[in-house]
C-alpha cells in the first residue's frame, strides 16, 4: 500500500497530519462513497495505529475507496501547537468538528465528494457527534468502532459512583 503524506490546517489554526492511499489499478469505488477518513482514539495517532486500521485500510482500498488515515487534535497524550497545548490531555470533544471539517475540505479538494467517516474508540464518539451535529452533505456514511459509553446516568449507577460524583461536583465548581 503506497501512502502520501498530507497536512491540513483547521479553522482555528491547528495543523494536523495524515496519509492518503489510493486504490490499486485505479479501481472505481462501489461502496457508495469515494473515500473513507479513519480517525484514531484517545492518545493515538495515524502512524501508530493497530493492525486493525491496517486491515480496514486494505479492505477499503480493495473496494475502490481512497483511504485517509489522519490525526485529530487529540493525537498523542499532549503536544504544543500554535493554538496552544493539545493532545488527549487537553482536547475538547466539541472541537473535533473543526478537525473533521478540515479533513473533509481536503478530501473535497481532491475531488472526493462522497465520504465515509470512521472512528475508533473516542474517535468513534467524535464521528457520532459530527454526524449528529453537522449537516454535511459530503458525509454519506458513518462507522463507529468501539465507542466508549459516556453516560452521566450510567456513571451514577456504578459502584464507584461516589468518586464520579466528587469529580463531577468539582468540575462544575471550576466552570
N, C-alpha and C. Protein backbone atom coordinates (compact mmCIF):
# COMPACT_ATOMS: atom_id res chain seq x y z
N UNK A 1 0.84 -1.17 0.00
CA UNK A 1 0.00 0.00 0.00
C UNK A 1 0.90 1.24 0.00
N UNK A 2 0.78 2.06 -1.03
CA UNK A 2 1.53 3.30 -1.10
C UNK A 2 0.76 4.39 -0.36
N UNK A 3 1.50 5.21 0.41
CA UNK A 3 0.86 6.29 1.14
C UNK A 3 1.54 7.61 0.79
N UNK A 4 0.73 8.65 0.77
CA UNK A 4 1.21 10.00 0.50
C UNK A 4 1.00 10.82 1.78
N UNK A 5 2.03 11.48 2.30
CA UNK A 5 1.82 12.31 3.49
C UNK A 5 0.97 13.54 3.15
N UNK A 6 0.05 13.87 4.05
CA UNK A 6 -0.84 15.02 3.84
C UNK A 6 -0.94 15.84 5.13
N UNK A 7 -1.28 17.11 4.96
CA UNK A 7 -1.40 18.02 6.09
C UNK A 7 -2.57 18.97 5.86
N UNK A 8 -3.29 19.28 6.93
CA UNK A 8 -4.35 20.29 6.87
C UNK A 8 -4.18 21.26 8.03
N UNK A 9 -4.77 22.41 7.88
CA UNK A 9 -4.89 23.38 8.97
C UNK A 9 -6.37 23.56 9.25
N UNK A 10 -6.75 23.44 10.51
CA UNK A 10 -8.15 23.60 10.89
C UNK A 10 -8.49 25.09 10.93
N UNK A 11 -9.76 25.43 10.96
CA UNK A 11 -10.16 26.85 11.02
C UNK A 11 -9.57 27.60 12.22
N UNK A 12 -9.25 26.89 13.31
CA UNK A 12 -8.66 27.55 14.49
C UNK A 12 -7.14 27.37 14.54
N UNK A 13 -6.54 27.08 13.37
CA UNK A 13 -5.09 27.05 13.20
C UNK A 13 -4.38 25.89 13.89
N UNK A 14 -5.01 24.74 13.91
CA UNK A 14 -4.34 23.53 14.39
C UNK A 14 -3.88 22.76 13.15
N UNK A 15 -2.60 22.44 13.09
CA UNK A 15 -2.05 21.68 11.96
C UNK A 15 -2.14 20.19 12.28
N UNK A 16 -2.72 19.45 11.34
CA UNK A 16 -2.89 18.01 11.51
C UNK A 16 -2.28 17.28 10.32
N UNK A 17 -1.76 16.10 10.58
CA UNK A 17 -1.08 15.31 9.56
C UNK A 17 -1.79 13.97 9.37
N UNK A 18 -1.55 13.37 8.23
CA UNK A 18 -2.11 12.07 7.94
C UNK A 18 -1.49 11.49 6.68
N UNK A 19 -2.14 10.46 6.16
CA UNK A 19 -1.71 9.85 4.90
C UNK A 19 -2.92 9.62 4.01
N UNK A 20 -2.66 9.60 2.72
CA UNK A 20 -3.67 9.31 1.72
C UNK A 20 -3.18 8.12 0.91
N UNK A 21 -4.05 7.15 0.72
CA UNK A 21 -3.74 5.99 -0.13
C UNK A 21 -4.83 5.85 -1.17
N UNK A 22 -4.41 5.57 -2.38
CA UNK A 22 -5.36 5.40 -3.49
C UNK A 22 -5.48 3.91 -3.83
N UNK A 23 -6.65 3.51 -4.30
CA UNK A 23 -6.85 2.10 -4.66
C UNK A 23 -5.89 1.67 -5.76
N UNK A 24 -5.49 0.41 -5.74
CA UNK A 24 -4.59 -0.09 -6.80
C UNK A 24 -5.31 -0.13 -8.14
N UNK A 25 -4.54 0.06 -9.18
CA UNK A 25 -5.05 -0.07 -10.55
C UNK A 25 -6.22 0.86 -10.86
N UNK A 26 -6.36 1.96 -10.14
CA UNK A 26 -7.43 2.92 -10.43
C UNK A 26 -8.82 2.35 -10.28
N UNK A 27 -9.00 1.41 -9.38
CA UNK A 27 -10.32 0.81 -9.19
C UNK A 27 -11.37 1.86 -8.87
N UNK A 28 -12.56 1.65 -9.35
CA UNK A 28 -13.67 2.55 -9.06
C UNK A 28 -14.34 2.12 -7.76
N UNK A 29 -14.79 3.09 -6.98
CA UNK A 29 -15.46 2.74 -5.72
C UNK A 29 -16.83 2.12 -5.98
N UNK A 30 -17.18 1.16 -5.16
CA UNK A 30 -18.51 0.55 -5.28
C UNK A 30 -19.15 0.32 -3.91
N UNK A 31 -18.78 1.14 -2.96
CA UNK A 31 -19.34 1.03 -1.61
C UNK A 31 -20.34 2.15 -1.31
N UNK A 32 -20.58 3.02 -2.28
CA UNK A 32 -21.49 4.14 -2.05
C UNK A 32 -20.78 5.40 -1.61
N UNK A 33 -19.45 5.34 -1.52
CA UNK A 33 -18.64 6.51 -1.20
C UNK A 33 -17.31 6.38 -1.91
N UNK A 34 -16.64 7.53 -2.08
CA UNK A 34 -15.37 7.57 -2.80
C UNK A 34 -14.16 7.47 -1.89
N UNK A 35 -14.34 7.89 -0.63
CA UNK A 35 -13.22 7.91 0.31
C UNK A 35 -13.70 7.61 1.71
N UNK A 36 -12.78 7.11 2.52
CA UNK A 36 -13.04 6.92 3.95
C UNK A 36 -11.95 7.66 4.71
N UNK A 37 -12.36 8.36 5.76
CA UNK A 37 -11.41 9.06 6.63
C UNK A 37 -11.41 8.32 7.96
N UNK A 38 -10.24 7.77 8.34
CA UNK A 38 -10.10 6.98 9.56
C UNK A 38 -9.46 7.81 10.67
N UNK A 39 -10.18 7.92 11.80
CA UNK A 39 -9.68 8.66 12.96
C UNK A 39 -9.36 7.69 14.10
N UNK A 40 -8.28 7.94 14.77
CA UNK A 40 -7.82 7.14 15.91
C UNK A 40 -8.59 7.51 17.18
N UNK A 41 -8.31 6.79 18.24
CA UNK A 41 -8.91 7.07 19.54
C UNK A 41 -8.00 7.90 20.43
N UNK A 42 -8.34 7.95 21.71
CA UNK A 42 -7.64 8.79 22.68
C UNK A 42 -6.14 8.51 22.70
N UNK A 43 -5.37 9.56 22.50
CA UNK A 43 -3.92 9.45 22.58
C UNK A 43 -3.27 8.72 21.43
N UNK A 44 -4.06 8.25 20.48
CA UNK A 44 -3.49 7.54 19.33
C UNK A 44 -2.99 8.52 18.29
N UNK A 45 -2.65 8.00 17.12
CA UNK A 45 -2.23 8.83 16.00
C UNK A 45 -2.33 8.00 14.73
N UNK A 46 -2.20 8.64 13.59
CA UNK A 46 -2.38 7.93 12.33
C UNK A 46 -1.24 6.97 12.03
N UNK A 47 -0.05 7.20 12.59
CA UNK A 47 1.12 6.42 12.21
C UNK A 47 1.42 5.27 13.17
N UNK A 48 0.71 5.19 14.25
CA UNK A 48 0.96 4.12 15.21
C UNK A 48 -0.35 3.48 15.64
N UNK A 49 -1.18 3.18 14.67
CA UNK A 49 -2.46 2.56 14.98
C UNK A 49 -2.33 1.05 14.89
N UNK A 50 -3.33 0.40 15.34
CA UNK A 50 -3.29 -1.06 15.40
C UNK A 50 -3.32 -1.70 14.02
N UNK A 51 -3.10 -2.98 14.01
CA UNK A 51 -3.24 -3.74 12.78
C UNK A 51 -4.67 -3.68 12.26
N UNK A 52 -5.58 -3.36 13.15
CA UNK A 52 -6.98 -3.23 12.77
C UNK A 52 -7.15 -2.16 11.69
N UNK A 53 -6.53 -0.98 11.88
CA UNK A 53 -6.62 0.08 10.88
C UNK A 53 -5.89 -0.33 9.60
N UNK A 54 -4.81 -1.09 9.73
CA UNK A 54 -4.12 -1.59 8.54
C UNK A 54 -5.07 -2.48 7.73
N UNK A 55 -5.75 -3.38 8.44
CA UNK A 55 -6.69 -4.29 7.78
C UNK A 55 -7.84 -3.51 7.14
N UNK A 56 -8.42 -2.57 7.90
CA UNK A 56 -9.52 -1.76 7.36
C UNK A 56 -9.07 -1.00 6.11
N UNK A 57 -7.92 -0.38 6.20
CA UNK A 57 -7.40 0.40 5.06
C UNK A 57 -7.30 -0.49 3.82
N UNK A 58 -6.71 -1.65 3.98
CA UNK A 58 -6.53 -2.56 2.86
C UNK A 58 -7.86 -2.97 2.26
N UNK A 59 -8.82 -3.27 3.11
CA UNK A 59 -10.15 -3.69 2.61
C UNK A 59 -10.85 -2.56 1.85
N UNK A 60 -10.80 -1.34 2.40
CA UNK A 60 -11.42 -0.21 1.70
C UNK A 60 -10.75 0.02 0.35
N UNK A 61 -9.43 -0.06 0.31
CA UNK A 61 -8.71 0.12 -0.95
C UNK A 61 -9.11 -0.94 -1.97
N UNK A 62 -9.24 -2.19 -1.53
CA UNK A 62 -9.65 -3.27 -2.42
C UNK A 62 -11.03 -3.02 -3.02
N UNK A 63 -11.86 -2.28 -2.29
CA UNK A 63 -13.21 -1.97 -2.77
C UNK A 63 -13.28 -0.62 -3.47
N UNK A 64 -12.12 -0.05 -3.80
CA UNK A 64 -12.07 1.14 -4.63
C UNK A 64 -12.16 2.47 -3.91
N UNK A 65 -12.10 2.48 -2.58
CA UNK A 65 -12.19 3.74 -1.83
C UNK A 65 -10.80 4.29 -1.53
N UNK A 66 -10.65 5.60 -1.66
CA UNK A 66 -9.44 6.28 -1.22
C UNK A 66 -9.46 6.26 0.31
N UNK A 67 -8.31 6.05 0.93
CA UNK A 67 -8.22 5.99 2.39
C UNK A 67 -7.35 7.13 2.91
N UNK A 68 -7.92 7.89 3.84
CA UNK A 68 -7.17 8.91 4.56
C UNK A 68 -7.08 8.47 6.01
N UNK A 69 -5.87 8.21 6.48
CA UNK A 69 -5.64 7.90 7.90
C UNK A 69 -5.06 9.15 8.51
N UNK A 70 -5.78 9.74 9.46
CA UNK A 70 -5.47 11.10 9.86
C UNK A 70 -5.43 11.27 11.38
N UNK A 71 -4.72 12.31 11.77
CA UNK A 71 -4.72 12.74 13.17
C UNK A 71 -5.89 13.69 13.40
N UNK A 72 -6.35 13.69 14.64
CA UNK A 72 -7.23 14.74 15.12
C UNK A 72 -6.48 15.43 16.25
N UNK A 73 -7.01 16.50 16.76
CA UNK A 73 -6.28 17.28 17.78
C UNK A 73 -6.05 16.49 19.07
N UNK A 74 -6.69 15.36 19.23
CA UNK A 74 -6.48 14.52 20.40
C UNK A 74 -5.38 13.49 20.20
N UNK A 75 -4.55 13.68 19.17
CA UNK A 75 -3.48 12.69 18.95
C UNK A 75 -2.42 12.80 20.03
N UNK A 76 -1.86 11.68 20.36
CA UNK A 76 -0.84 11.57 21.41
C UNK A 76 -1.39 12.14 22.73
N UNK A 77 -0.63 12.03 23.79
CA UNK A 77 -1.14 12.49 25.09
C UNK A 77 -1.15 14.01 25.20
N UNK A 78 -0.08 14.66 24.74
CA UNK A 78 -0.08 16.12 24.68
C UNK A 78 1.06 16.60 23.79
N UNK A 79 0.85 17.79 23.24
CA UNK A 79 1.86 18.41 22.39
C UNK A 79 1.57 19.90 22.33
N UNK A 80 2.56 20.68 21.94
CA UNK A 80 2.39 22.12 21.78
C UNK A 80 2.07 22.43 20.34
N UNK A 81 1.17 23.37 20.13
CA UNK A 81 0.81 23.81 18.79
C UNK A 81 0.65 25.33 18.80
N UNK A 82 0.60 25.96 17.63
CA UNK A 82 0.36 27.40 17.60
C UNK A 82 -0.96 27.78 18.28
N UNK A 83 -1.88 26.83 18.38
CA UNK A 83 -3.17 27.09 19.02
C UNK A 83 -3.11 26.81 20.53
N UNK A 84 -1.93 26.44 21.05
CA UNK A 84 -1.78 26.13 22.48
C UNK A 84 -1.52 24.66 22.69
N UNK A 85 -1.61 24.23 23.93
CA UNK A 85 -1.40 22.82 24.25
C UNK A 85 -2.60 22.00 23.80
N UNK A 86 -2.28 20.89 23.14
CA UNK A 86 -3.32 19.99 22.67
C UNK A 86 -2.92 18.55 22.95
N UNK A 87 -3.67 17.62 22.41
CA UNK A 87 -3.47 16.21 22.68
C UNK A 87 -4.62 15.71 23.54
N UNK A 88 -4.62 14.42 23.82
CA UNK A 88 -5.70 13.82 24.58
C UNK A 88 -5.91 14.49 25.94
N UNK A 89 -4.84 14.97 26.53
CA UNK A 89 -4.92 15.60 27.85
C UNK A 89 -5.71 16.90 27.81
N UNK A 90 -5.66 17.63 26.70
CA UNK A 90 -6.24 18.97 26.65
C UNK A 90 -7.42 19.12 25.70
N UNK A 91 -7.76 18.10 24.94
CA UNK A 91 -8.76 18.29 23.91
C UNK A 91 -10.18 18.40 24.46
N UNK A 92 -11.02 19.07 23.68
CA UNK A 92 -12.46 19.16 23.95
C UNK A 92 -13.17 18.47 22.80
N UNK A 93 -14.08 17.57 23.11
CA UNK A 93 -14.75 16.81 22.06
C UNK A 93 -15.45 17.70 21.05
N UNK A 94 -16.01 18.80 21.49
CA UNK A 94 -16.71 19.69 20.55
C UNK A 94 -15.79 20.22 19.46
N UNK A 95 -14.50 20.38 19.77
CA UNK A 95 -13.55 20.91 18.79
C UNK A 95 -13.26 19.91 17.67
N UNK A 96 -13.61 18.66 17.86
CA UNK A 96 -13.35 17.64 16.83
C UNK A 96 -14.06 17.98 15.52
N UNK A 97 -15.17 18.71 15.60
CA UNK A 97 -15.88 19.09 14.37
C UNK A 97 -14.98 19.92 13.46
N UNK A 98 -14.10 20.72 14.05
CA UNK A 98 -13.16 21.52 13.25
C UNK A 98 -12.18 20.61 12.52
N UNK A 99 -11.77 19.53 13.19
CA UNK A 99 -10.84 18.57 12.57
C UNK A 99 -11.53 17.85 11.41
N UNK A 100 -12.75 17.36 11.66
CA UNK A 100 -13.49 16.66 10.60
C UNK A 100 -13.67 17.57 9.41
N UNK A 101 -14.07 18.83 9.67
CA UNK A 101 -14.32 19.78 8.58
C UNK A 101 -13.05 19.99 7.75
N UNK A 102 -11.90 20.14 8.41
CA UNK A 102 -10.64 20.35 7.69
C UNK A 102 -10.32 19.14 6.80
N UNK A 103 -10.51 17.93 7.33
CA UNK A 103 -10.20 16.74 6.53
C UNK A 103 -11.22 16.57 5.40
N UNK A 104 -12.48 16.90 5.65
CA UNK A 104 -13.48 16.82 4.59
C UNK A 104 -13.20 17.86 3.49
N UNK A 105 -12.77 19.04 3.89
CA UNK A 105 -12.39 20.06 2.90
C UNK A 105 -11.22 19.56 2.05
N UNK A 106 -10.26 18.91 2.71
CA UNK A 106 -9.12 18.35 1.97
C UNK A 106 -9.61 17.30 0.97
N UNK A 107 -10.46 16.39 1.42
CA UNK A 107 -10.98 15.34 0.54
C UNK A 107 -11.71 15.96 -0.65
N UNK A 108 -12.53 16.96 -0.37
CA UNK A 108 -13.27 17.61 -1.45
C UNK A 108 -12.32 18.27 -2.45
N UNK A 109 -11.25 18.87 -1.97
CA UNK A 109 -10.25 19.49 -2.86
C UNK A 109 -9.59 18.44 -3.75
N UNK A 110 -9.60 17.18 -3.32
CA UNK A 110 -9.05 16.08 -4.12
C UNK A 110 -10.10 15.51 -5.07
N UNK A 111 -11.29 16.11 -5.09
CA UNK A 111 -12.37 15.62 -5.95
C UNK A 111 -13.21 14.54 -5.32
N UNK A 112 -13.05 14.32 -4.02
CA UNK A 112 -13.77 13.27 -3.30
C UNK A 112 -14.96 13.91 -2.57
N UNK A 113 -16.16 13.67 -3.09
CA UNK A 113 -17.33 14.38 -2.56
C UNK A 113 -18.27 13.50 -1.76
N UNK A 114 -18.10 12.21 -1.83
CA UNK A 114 -18.94 11.28 -1.05
C UNK A 114 -18.00 10.52 -0.12
N UNK A 115 -18.10 10.84 1.17
CA UNK A 115 -17.10 10.38 2.13
C UNK A 115 -17.76 9.61 3.27
N UNK A 116 -17.05 8.59 3.71
CA UNK A 116 -17.41 7.83 4.91
C UNK A 116 -16.46 8.27 6.03
N UNK A 117 -17.02 8.65 7.17
CA UNK A 117 -16.20 8.96 8.34
C UNK A 117 -16.19 7.75 9.24
N UNK A 118 -15.00 7.34 9.67
CA UNK A 118 -14.87 6.17 10.54
C UNK A 118 -13.93 6.50 11.68
N UNK A 119 -14.35 6.21 12.89
CA UNK A 119 -13.52 6.47 14.05
C UNK A 119 -13.50 5.29 14.99
N UNK A 120 -12.41 5.17 15.71
CA UNK A 120 -12.24 4.11 16.69
C UNK A 120 -12.19 4.70 18.09
N UNK A 121 -12.83 4.09 19.04
CA UNK A 121 -12.82 4.50 20.44
C UNK A 121 -13.32 5.94 20.57
N UNK A 122 -12.54 6.84 21.14
CA UNK A 122 -13.02 8.23 21.25
C UNK A 122 -13.16 8.86 19.86
N UNK A 123 -12.41 8.36 18.89
CA UNK A 123 -12.60 8.81 17.50
C UNK A 123 -13.99 8.43 17.00
N UNK A 124 -14.54 7.33 17.51
CA UNK A 124 -15.91 6.94 17.16
C UNK A 124 -16.91 7.91 17.76
N UNK A 125 -16.66 8.35 18.99
CA UNK A 125 -17.55 9.33 19.62
C UNK A 125 -17.53 10.63 18.82
N UNK A 126 -16.34 11.05 18.40
CA UNK A 126 -16.21 12.28 17.61
C UNK A 126 -16.95 12.13 16.27
N UNK A 127 -16.89 10.94 15.70
CA UNK A 127 -17.59 10.66 14.46
C UNK A 127 -19.10 10.78 14.65
N UNK A 128 -19.60 10.19 15.71
CA UNK A 128 -21.04 10.26 16.01
C UNK A 128 -21.46 11.71 16.25
N UNK A 129 -20.67 12.45 17.03
CA UNK A 129 -21.00 13.85 17.31
C UNK A 129 -21.03 14.68 16.03
N UNK A 130 -20.06 14.46 15.15
CA UNK A 130 -20.04 15.21 13.90
C UNK A 130 -21.27 14.86 13.06
N UNK A 131 -21.54 13.59 12.92
CA UNK A 131 -22.68 13.16 12.12
C UNK A 131 -24.01 13.67 12.66
N UNK A 132 -24.15 13.71 13.97
CA UNK A 132 -25.40 14.15 14.59
C UNK A 132 -25.52 15.67 14.63
N UNK A 133 -24.39 16.36 14.72
CA UNK A 133 -24.43 17.81 14.93
C UNK A 133 -24.23 18.65 13.69
N UNK A 134 -23.74 18.07 12.62
CA UNK A 134 -23.46 18.82 11.40
C UNK A 134 -24.35 18.28 10.29
N UNK A 135 -24.71 19.12 9.41
CA UNK A 135 -25.49 18.68 8.26
C UNK A 135 -24.59 18.79 7.04
N UNK A 136 -23.58 17.93 7.00
CA UNK A 136 -22.56 18.00 5.96
C UNK A 136 -22.92 17.02 4.84
N UNK A 137 -23.31 17.53 3.68
CA UNK A 137 -23.75 16.65 2.60
C UNK A 137 -22.65 15.75 2.03
N UNK A 138 -21.39 16.06 2.35
CA UNK A 138 -20.28 15.23 1.86
C UNK A 138 -20.22 13.89 2.60
N UNK A 139 -20.78 13.85 3.80
CA UNK A 139 -20.73 12.65 4.63
C UNK A 139 -21.94 11.78 4.30
N UNK A 140 -21.65 10.61 3.71
CA UNK A 140 -22.73 9.71 3.31
C UNK A 140 -22.79 8.44 4.15
N UNK A 141 -21.75 8.19 4.95
CA UNK A 141 -21.72 7.03 5.85
C UNK A 141 -20.92 7.39 7.09
N UNK A 142 -21.29 6.76 8.21
CA UNK A 142 -20.54 6.87 9.46
C UNK A 142 -20.26 5.47 9.97
N UNK A 143 -19.05 5.27 10.48
CA UNK A 143 -18.70 3.99 11.11
C UNK A 143 -18.10 4.30 12.48
N UNK A 144 -18.73 3.79 13.52
CA UNK A 144 -18.24 3.98 14.89
C UNK A 144 -17.76 2.62 15.40
N UNK A 145 -16.46 2.49 15.59
CA UNK A 145 -15.87 1.23 16.03
C UNK A 145 -15.51 1.34 17.52
N UNK A 146 -16.18 0.57 18.34
CA UNK A 146 -15.92 0.50 19.79
C UNK A 146 -15.98 1.86 20.49
N UNK A 147 -17.08 2.60 20.31
CA UNK A 147 -17.14 3.88 21.03
C UNK A 147 -17.35 3.65 22.52
N UNK A 148 -16.65 4.41 23.37
CA UNK A 148 -16.91 4.29 24.81
C UNK A 148 -18.27 4.90 25.12
N UNK A 149 -18.83 4.49 26.21
CA UNK A 149 -20.15 4.99 26.61
C UNK A 149 -19.96 6.11 27.62
N UNK A 150 -20.14 7.34 27.17
CA UNK A 150 -20.06 8.50 28.06
C UNK A 150 -21.48 8.82 28.50
N UNK A 151 -21.89 8.25 29.60
CA UNK A 151 -23.26 8.42 30.07
C UNK A 151 -23.26 8.84 31.53
N UNK A 152 -23.73 10.04 31.79
CA UNK A 152 -23.82 10.54 33.16
C UNK A 152 -24.67 9.59 34.02
N UNK A 153 -25.82 9.20 33.50
CA UNK A 153 -26.72 8.32 34.25
C UNK A 153 -26.06 6.98 34.54
N UNK A 154 -25.32 6.44 33.56
CA UNK A 154 -24.64 5.15 33.76
C UNK A 154 -23.56 5.26 34.82
N UNK A 155 -22.79 6.34 34.80
CA UNK A 155 -21.75 6.52 35.82
C UNK A 155 -22.36 6.64 37.21
N UNK A 156 -23.53 7.24 37.32
CA UNK A 156 -24.19 7.38 38.63
C UNK A 156 -24.68 6.04 39.17
N UNK A 157 -24.95 5.08 38.29
CA UNK A 157 -25.44 3.76 38.71
C UNK A 157 -24.31 2.82 39.15
N UNK A 158 -23.10 3.11 38.81
CA UNK A 158 -21.98 2.21 39.11
C UNK A 158 -21.62 2.22 40.59
N UNK A 159 -20.94 1.16 41.02
CA UNK A 159 -20.48 1.05 42.40
C UNK A 159 -19.54 2.20 42.78
N UNK A 160 -18.77 2.66 41.82
CA UNK A 160 -17.80 3.74 42.08
C UNK A 160 -18.43 5.12 41.91
N UNK A 161 -19.75 5.23 42.02
CA UNK A 161 -20.42 6.50 41.73
C UNK A 161 -20.02 7.62 42.69
N UNK A 162 -19.61 7.30 43.89
CA UNK A 162 -19.19 8.33 44.84
C UNK A 162 -18.02 9.13 44.31
N UNK A 163 -17.05 8.43 43.76
CA UNK A 163 -15.87 9.11 43.19
C UNK A 163 -16.27 9.96 41.98
N UNK A 164 -17.16 9.42 41.14
CA UNK A 164 -17.63 10.16 39.98
C UNK A 164 -18.37 11.43 40.44
N UNK A 165 -19.24 11.30 41.42
CA UNK A 165 -19.99 12.46 41.93
C UNK A 165 -19.04 13.54 42.44
N UNK A 166 -17.99 13.11 43.13
CA UNK A 166 -16.98 14.06 43.63
C UNK A 166 -16.32 14.83 42.49
N UNK A 167 -15.87 14.09 41.50
CA UNK A 167 -15.20 14.70 40.35
C UNK A 167 -16.15 15.62 39.58
N UNK A 168 -17.38 15.18 39.43
CA UNK A 168 -18.38 15.98 38.70
C UNK A 168 -18.67 17.29 39.44
N UNK A 169 -18.82 17.20 40.75
CA UNK A 169 -19.10 18.38 41.55
C UNK A 169 -17.93 19.37 41.48
N UNK A 170 -16.73 18.84 41.54
CA UNK A 170 -15.54 19.69 41.44
C UNK A 170 -15.43 20.35 40.07
N UNK A 171 -15.70 19.58 39.02
CA UNK A 171 -15.65 20.12 37.66
C UNK A 171 -16.66 21.23 37.48
N UNK A 172 -17.88 21.04 37.97
CA UNK A 172 -18.91 22.08 37.86
C UNK A 172 -18.49 23.34 38.58
N UNK A 173 -17.85 23.18 39.75
CA UNK A 173 -17.41 24.34 40.53
C UNK A 173 -16.30 25.10 39.80
N UNK A 174 -15.52 24.39 38.99
CA UNK A 174 -14.41 25.02 38.29
C UNK A 174 -14.85 25.77 37.02
N UNK A 175 -16.04 25.48 36.54
CA UNK A 175 -16.52 26.13 35.29
C UNK A 175 -16.84 27.59 35.55
